[in-house]
N, C-alpha and C. Protein backbone atom coordinates (compact mmCIF):
# COMPACT_ATOMS: atom_id res chain seq x y z
N MET A 1 75.69 -17.47 -79.93
CA MET A 1 75.08 -17.73 -81.02
C MET A 1 74.29 -16.64 -81.48
N LYS A 2 73.85 -15.69 -80.72
CA LYS A 2 73.29 -14.63 -81.39
C LYS A 2 74.13 -13.52 -82.10
N LYS A 3 75.48 -13.44 -81.94
CA LYS A 3 76.52 -12.81 -82.39
C LYS A 3 76.76 -13.44 -83.67
N LEU A 4 76.97 -14.98 -83.87
CA LEU A 4 76.77 -15.69 -85.10
C LEU A 4 75.77 -15.46 -86.13
N ALA A 5 74.71 -15.37 -85.75
CA ALA A 5 73.54 -15.12 -86.18
C ALA A 5 73.50 -13.98 -87.05
N ALA A 6 73.66 -12.90 -85.84
CA ALA A 6 73.75 -11.35 -86.67
C ALA A 6 74.94 -11.28 -87.60
N ALA A 7 75.99 -11.92 -87.50
CA ALA A 7 77.14 -11.65 -88.33
C ALA A 7 76.61 -12.43 -89.69
N LEU A 8 75.96 -13.53 -89.70
CA LEU A 8 75.70 -14.34 -90.92
C LEU A 8 74.56 -13.27 -91.59
N ILE A 9 73.76 -12.76 -90.71
CA ILE A 9 72.75 -11.80 -91.42
C ILE A 9 73.16 -10.71 -91.83
N GLY A 10 74.34 -10.11 -91.58
CA GLY A 10 75.00 -8.97 -91.98
C GLY A 10 75.80 -9.51 -93.18
N MET A 11 76.45 -10.64 -93.16
CA MET A 11 77.10 -10.83 -94.50
C MET A 11 76.07 -10.94 -95.49
N SER A 12 75.01 -11.81 -95.43
CA SER A 12 73.79 -11.92 -96.09
C SER A 12 73.48 -10.48 -96.96
N ILE A 13 73.02 -9.60 -95.91
CA ILE A 13 72.72 -8.48 -96.74
C ILE A 13 73.81 -7.87 -97.55
N ALA A 14 75.32 -7.89 -97.09
CA ALA A 14 76.33 -7.58 -97.83
C ALA A 14 76.36 -8.19 -99.23
N ALA A 15 76.23 -9.30 -99.16
CA ALA A 15 76.26 -10.00 -100.23
C ALA A 15 75.34 -9.90 -101.38
N THR A 16 74.08 -9.51 -100.84
CA THR A 16 72.75 -9.06 -101.40
C THR A 16 72.94 -7.65 -102.15
N THR A 17 73.49 -6.71 -101.24
CA THR A 17 73.79 -5.40 -101.92
C THR A 17 74.80 -5.51 -102.99
N ALA A 18 75.70 -6.29 -102.72
CA ALA A 18 77.13 -6.30 -103.58
C ALA A 18 76.40 -7.06 -105.07
N ALA A 19 75.48 -7.62 -104.84
CA ALA A 19 75.04 -8.27 -106.10
C ALA A 19 74.00 -7.30 -107.10
N GLN A 20 73.34 -6.30 -106.14
CA GLN A 20 72.75 -5.47 -106.74
C GLN A 20 73.40 -4.18 -107.25
N ALA A 21 74.50 -4.17 -106.67
CA ALA A 21 75.63 -3.09 -107.35
C ALA A 21 76.06 -3.37 -108.38
N GLU A 22 76.10 -4.82 -108.91
CA GLU A 22 76.63 -5.54 -110.15
C GLU A 22 75.64 -5.22 -111.20
N GLU A 23 74.15 -5.43 -110.74
CA GLU A 23 73.19 -5.00 -111.65
C GLU A 23 72.93 -3.37 -112.03
N SER A 24 73.58 -2.74 -111.35
CA SER A 24 73.49 -1.24 -111.38
C SER A 24 73.98 -0.86 -112.78
N ALA A 25 73.91 0.04 -113.20
CA ALA A 25 74.49 0.61 -114.32
C ALA A 25 74.82 2.25 -114.34
N VAL A 26 76.15 2.41 -114.61
CA VAL A 26 76.87 3.97 -114.46
C VAL A 26 77.25 3.95 -115.99
N THR A 27 76.88 5.19 -116.31
CA THR A 27 77.33 5.73 -117.80
C THR A 27 78.22 7.14 -117.64
N ALA A 28 79.13 7.26 -118.61
CA ALA A 28 79.82 8.24 -118.61
C ALA A 28 79.51 9.37 -119.91
N THR A 29 79.36 10.46 -119.94
CA THR A 29 79.30 11.21 -121.11
C THR A 29 80.26 12.37 -121.00
N ALA A 30 80.94 12.55 -122.03
CA ALA A 30 82.10 13.69 -122.19
C ALA A 30 81.15 15.15 -122.55
N LEU A 31 81.62 15.94 -121.80
CA LEU A 31 80.73 17.43 -121.82
C LEU A 31 81.40 18.41 -122.73
N GLY A 32 81.15 18.97 -123.56
CA GLY A 32 82.07 20.22 -124.47
C GLY A 32 82.39 19.36 -125.30
N ALA A 33 83.57 20.23 -125.97
CA ALA A 33 84.33 19.70 -127.64
C ALA A 33 85.25 18.66 -126.85
N VAL A 34 85.53 17.40 -127.25
CA VAL A 34 86.39 16.56 -126.88
C VAL A 34 86.83 15.92 -128.52
N SER A 35 88.22 15.92 -128.68
CA SER A 35 88.80 15.72 -129.92
C SER A 35 88.63 13.93 -129.88
N GLY A 36 88.24 13.93 -131.38
CA GLY A 36 88.19 12.05 -131.27
C GLY A 36 89.49 11.55 -131.34
N SER A 37 90.59 12.21 -131.61
CA SER A 37 92.18 11.86 -131.55
C SER A 37 92.32 11.75 -130.09
N ALA A 38 91.78 12.29 -129.27
CA ALA A 38 92.40 12.52 -127.69
C ALA A 38 91.86 11.05 -126.95
N LEU A 39 92.12 10.08 -127.43
CA LEU A 39 91.84 8.77 -127.01
C LEU A 39 92.18 8.46 -125.54
N GLN A 40 91.49 7.73 -124.98
CA GLN A 40 91.74 7.30 -123.65
C GLN A 40 92.47 6.14 -123.46
N GLU A 41 93.58 6.19 -122.70
CA GLU A 41 94.26 4.71 -122.45
C GLU A 41 93.49 4.15 -121.29
N SER A 42 93.31 4.79 -120.53
CA SER A 42 92.52 3.91 -119.10
C SER A 42 91.32 4.89 -118.44
N ARG A 43 90.18 4.64 -118.78
CA ARG A 43 89.11 5.62 -118.07
C ARG A 43 88.15 4.47 -117.73
N PRO A 44 88.35 3.87 -116.57
CA PRO A 44 87.43 2.78 -115.97
C PRO A 44 86.33 4.02 -115.23
N LEU A 45 84.98 3.28 -115.28
CA LEU A 45 83.80 3.92 -114.85
C LEU A 45 83.77 3.82 -113.35
N PRO A 46 83.19 4.42 -112.70
CA PRO A 46 83.28 4.36 -111.08
C PRO A 46 82.31 3.19 -110.84
N GLY A 47 82.15 2.32 -109.63
CA GLY A 47 81.43 1.49 -109.35
C GLY A 47 80.04 2.20 -108.62
N TYR A 48 79.09 1.43 -108.57
CA TYR A 48 77.81 2.16 -107.96
C TYR A 48 77.96 1.76 -106.44
N PRO A 49 77.89 2.94 -105.44
CA PRO A 49 78.14 2.81 -104.33
C PRO A 49 77.19 1.84 -103.48
N VAL A 50 77.60 0.93 -102.72
CA VAL A 50 76.75 -0.19 -101.87
C VAL A 50 76.16 0.99 -100.87
N SER A 51 76.57 1.92 -100.48
CA SER A 51 75.70 2.75 -99.49
C SER A 51 74.66 3.21 -100.01
N ALA A 52 74.88 3.64 -101.28
CA ALA A 52 73.61 4.45 -101.99
C ALA A 52 72.53 3.12 -102.12
N LEU A 53 72.75 1.95 -102.43
CA LEU A 53 71.62 1.00 -102.44
C LEU A 53 71.03 0.89 -101.12
N LYS A 54 71.99 0.96 -100.26
CA LYS A 54 71.25 0.36 -98.68
C LYS A 54 70.47 1.70 -98.32
N ASP A 55 70.68 2.75 -98.84
CA ASP A 55 69.84 4.08 -98.53
C ASP A 55 68.99 4.21 -99.67
N GLN A 56 68.40 3.38 -100.42
CA GLN A 56 67.53 3.26 -101.42
C GLN A 56 67.67 4.47 -102.48
N GLN A 57 69.06 4.82 -102.78
CA GLN A 57 69.52 6.02 -103.94
C GLN A 57 69.35 4.96 -105.24
N ARG A 58 68.40 5.17 -105.85
CA ARG A 58 68.19 4.38 -107.04
C ARG A 58 68.75 5.28 -108.33
N TYR A 59 68.94 6.39 -108.46
CA TYR A 59 69.53 7.31 -109.41
C TYR A 59 70.35 8.62 -109.01
N GLY A 60 71.27 9.01 -109.72
CA GLY A 60 72.08 9.97 -109.30
C GLY A 60 72.94 10.49 -110.47
N ARG A 61 73.32 11.69 -110.44
CA ARG A 61 73.98 12.49 -111.47
C ARG A 61 75.25 13.04 -110.76
N VAL A 62 76.25 13.02 -111.75
CA VAL A 62 77.48 14.07 -110.87
C VAL A 62 78.23 14.39 -112.32
N VAL A 63 78.48 15.71 -112.06
CA VAL A 63 79.34 16.37 -113.20
C VAL A 63 80.44 16.72 -112.49
N LEU A 64 81.75 16.43 -113.59
CA LEU A 64 83.11 16.78 -112.71
C LEU A 64 83.77 17.62 -114.03
N GLY A 65 84.72 18.50 -113.45
CA GLY A 65 85.56 19.11 -114.43
C GLY A 65 86.65 18.60 -113.84
N TYR A 66 87.79 18.64 -115.00
CA TYR A 66 89.29 17.95 -114.21
C TYR A 66 90.02 18.53 -115.53
N ASP A 67 91.51 18.44 -115.23
CA ASP A 67 92.74 19.06 -116.26
C ASP A 67 93.33 17.80 -116.56
N VAL A 68 93.96 17.83 -117.62
CA VAL A 68 94.73 16.62 -118.17
C VAL A 68 95.88 17.26 -118.54
N ALA A 69 96.97 16.88 -117.89
CA ALA A 69 98.38 17.04 -117.98
C ALA A 69 99.14 16.52 -119.25
N GLN A 70 99.92 17.30 -119.72
CA GLN A 70 100.39 16.83 -121.19
C GLN A 70 100.87 15.31 -121.01
N ASP A 71 101.44 14.80 -120.04
CA ASP A 71 101.53 13.41 -119.66
C ASP A 71 100.29 12.51 -119.91
N GLY A 72 99.31 12.99 -119.92
CA GLY A 72 97.88 12.35 -119.86
C GLY A 72 97.42 12.28 -118.60
N THR A 73 98.13 12.50 -117.38
CA THR A 73 97.65 12.05 -116.01
C THR A 73 96.32 13.14 -115.86
N VAL A 74 95.19 12.96 -115.15
CA VAL A 74 94.45 13.74 -114.66
C VAL A 74 94.51 14.47 -113.45
N THR A 75 94.44 15.68 -113.33
CA THR A 75 94.53 16.62 -111.96
C THR A 75 93.36 17.60 -111.77
N ASN A 76 93.56 18.08 -110.57
CA ASN A 76 92.54 19.13 -110.20
C ASN A 76 91.13 18.63 -110.71
N VAL A 77 90.47 17.58 -110.06
CA VAL A 77 89.31 16.87 -110.27
C VAL A 77 88.36 17.88 -109.14
N GLN A 78 87.29 18.13 -109.80
CA GLN A 78 86.39 19.17 -109.02
C GLN A 78 84.90 18.73 -109.24
N VAL A 79 83.90 18.59 -108.21
CA VAL A 79 82.75 18.23 -108.52
C VAL A 79 82.12 19.74 -109.11
N LEU A 80 81.07 19.69 -110.26
CA LEU A 80 80.64 20.94 -110.69
C LEU A 80 79.28 20.91 -110.34
N SER A 81 78.30 19.69 -110.33
CA SER A 81 77.20 19.75 -109.71
C SER A 81 76.92 18.14 -109.46
N ALA A 82 76.16 17.83 -108.31
CA ALA A 82 75.94 16.42 -108.00
C ALA A 82 74.35 16.20 -107.59
N TYR A 83 73.72 15.49 -107.83
CA TYR A 83 72.37 15.17 -107.35
C TYR A 83 72.20 13.42 -107.29
N PRO A 84 71.56 13.20 -106.01
CA PRO A 84 71.55 13.72 -104.61
C PRO A 84 73.12 14.22 -104.41
N VAL A 85 73.04 15.30 -103.43
CA VAL A 85 74.62 15.84 -102.97
C VAL A 85 75.07 14.67 -102.22
N GLN A 86 76.39 14.67 -102.50
CA GLN A 86 77.52 13.65 -101.99
C GLN A 86 77.07 12.20 -101.67
N VAL A 87 76.17 11.65 -102.56
CA VAL A 87 75.87 10.27 -102.60
C VAL A 87 77.02 9.58 -103.52
N PHE A 88 76.90 10.06 -104.70
CA PHE A 88 77.94 9.39 -105.76
C PHE A 88 79.24 10.12 -106.00
N THR A 89 79.43 11.47 -105.40
CA THR A 89 80.29 12.31 -105.64
C THR A 89 81.76 11.47 -105.21
N ARG A 90 82.09 10.80 -104.19
CA ARG A 90 83.40 9.93 -104.08
C ARG A 90 83.66 9.10 -105.32
N ALA A 91 82.57 8.30 -105.39
CA ALA A 91 82.86 7.03 -106.53
C ALA A 91 83.46 7.82 -107.65
N ALA A 92 82.62 8.68 -108.09
CA ALA A 92 83.07 9.38 -109.38
C ALA A 92 84.32 10.19 -109.10
N THR A 93 84.63 10.80 -108.32
CA THR A 93 85.93 11.62 -108.12
C THR A 93 87.24 10.63 -108.09
N ARG A 94 86.99 9.53 -107.49
CA ARG A 94 88.23 8.57 -107.17
C ARG A 94 88.33 7.79 -108.86
N ALA A 95 87.15 7.49 -109.62
CA ALA A 95 87.47 7.17 -110.56
C ALA A 95 88.07 7.73 -111.80
N VAL A 96 87.57 9.38 -111.67
CA VAL A 96 88.54 10.23 -112.71
C VAL A 96 89.81 10.51 -112.26
N GLU A 97 90.11 10.47 -110.87
CA GLU A 97 91.61 10.64 -110.48
C GLU A 97 92.42 9.37 -110.83
N ASN A 98 92.10 8.40 -111.22
CA ASN A 98 92.74 7.21 -111.71
C ASN A 98 92.73 7.05 -113.15
N TRP A 99 92.14 8.12 -113.90
CA TRP A 99 92.11 7.95 -115.45
C TRP A 99 93.50 8.24 -115.75
N ARG A 100 93.92 7.58 -117.02
CA ARG A 100 95.23 8.11 -117.83
C ARG A 100 94.87 8.15 -119.11
N LEU A 101 95.04 9.47 -119.88
CA LEU A 101 94.46 9.61 -121.21
C LEU A 101 96.03 9.58 -121.78
N ALA A 102 95.72 9.39 -123.38
CA ALA A 102 96.75 9.72 -124.31
C ALA A 102 97.47 10.74 -123.95
N PRO A 103 99.06 10.74 -123.76
CA PRO A 103 99.58 11.83 -123.85
C PRO A 103 99.56 13.19 -125.08
N GLY A 104 99.77 14.32 -124.72
CA GLY A 104 99.68 15.39 -125.48
C GLY A 104 98.33 16.04 -125.92
N TYR A 105 97.56 15.73 -125.11
CA TYR A 105 96.02 16.27 -124.98
C TYR A 105 95.61 16.88 -124.05
N ALA A 106 96.59 17.83 -123.52
CA ALA A 106 96.38 18.75 -122.24
C ALA A 106 95.04 19.66 -122.32
N GLY A 107 94.42 19.84 -121.30
CA GLY A 107 93.60 20.85 -121.16
C GLY A 107 92.27 20.38 -120.24
N THR A 108 91.33 21.44 -120.14
CA THR A 108 90.49 20.96 -119.19
C THR A 108 89.12 20.36 -120.19
N ARG A 109 88.50 19.34 -118.95
CA ARG A 109 87.35 18.65 -119.49
C ARG A 109 86.31 18.49 -118.61
N GLN A 110 85.19 18.32 -119.04
CA GLN A 110 84.22 17.88 -118.01
C GLN A 110 83.76 16.48 -118.33
N VAL A 111 83.02 15.62 -117.51
CA VAL A 111 82.17 14.61 -117.67
C VAL A 111 81.08 14.44 -116.64
N GLU A 112 80.07 13.71 -117.21
CA GLU A 112 78.77 13.63 -116.41
C GLU A 112 78.46 12.20 -116.23
N PHE A 113 78.52 11.76 -115.06
CA PHE A 113 78.14 10.34 -114.59
C PHE A 113 76.85 10.54 -114.20
N THR A 114 75.88 9.28 -114.82
CA THR A 114 74.63 8.87 -114.59
C THR A 114 74.72 7.45 -113.55
N PHE A 115 74.19 7.57 -112.51
CA PHE A 115 74.13 6.22 -111.70
C PHE A 115 72.52 5.81 -112.10
N GLN A 116 72.55 4.58 -112.27
CA GLN A 116 70.96 3.97 -112.35
C GLN A 116 70.76 2.75 -111.54
N ALA A 117 70.31 2.32 -110.71
CA ALA A 117 70.10 1.03 -110.09
C ALA A 117 68.86 0.28 -110.81
N GLU A 118 68.99 -0.90 -110.91
CA GLU A 118 68.00 -1.52 -111.82
C GLU A 118 67.12 -2.29 -110.83
């Protein structure tokens, strides 16, 4: 019975944390000169890490650098700065690694993600 109660409490906490993550905002800002014609085909934002909410991390910022290949794929994603260190970097890095941009606009780019919990 105690195991069942603990499991239900754990599920309740996970559901509450997931609901809080949905209420959290993540914004992205392109840094440097970006051509208006370099339209993104797929550029999903990272999710707010549930672990950050559990640890009461309500704000974070990550700046990433990345290369865009001729075919529009993103390569060489690097963390340029992060606050707090290593709290939001995984979510931001994974999101950018999955971006697909319009072909023909190869180059090096930077993006800043701001994470804010409500």
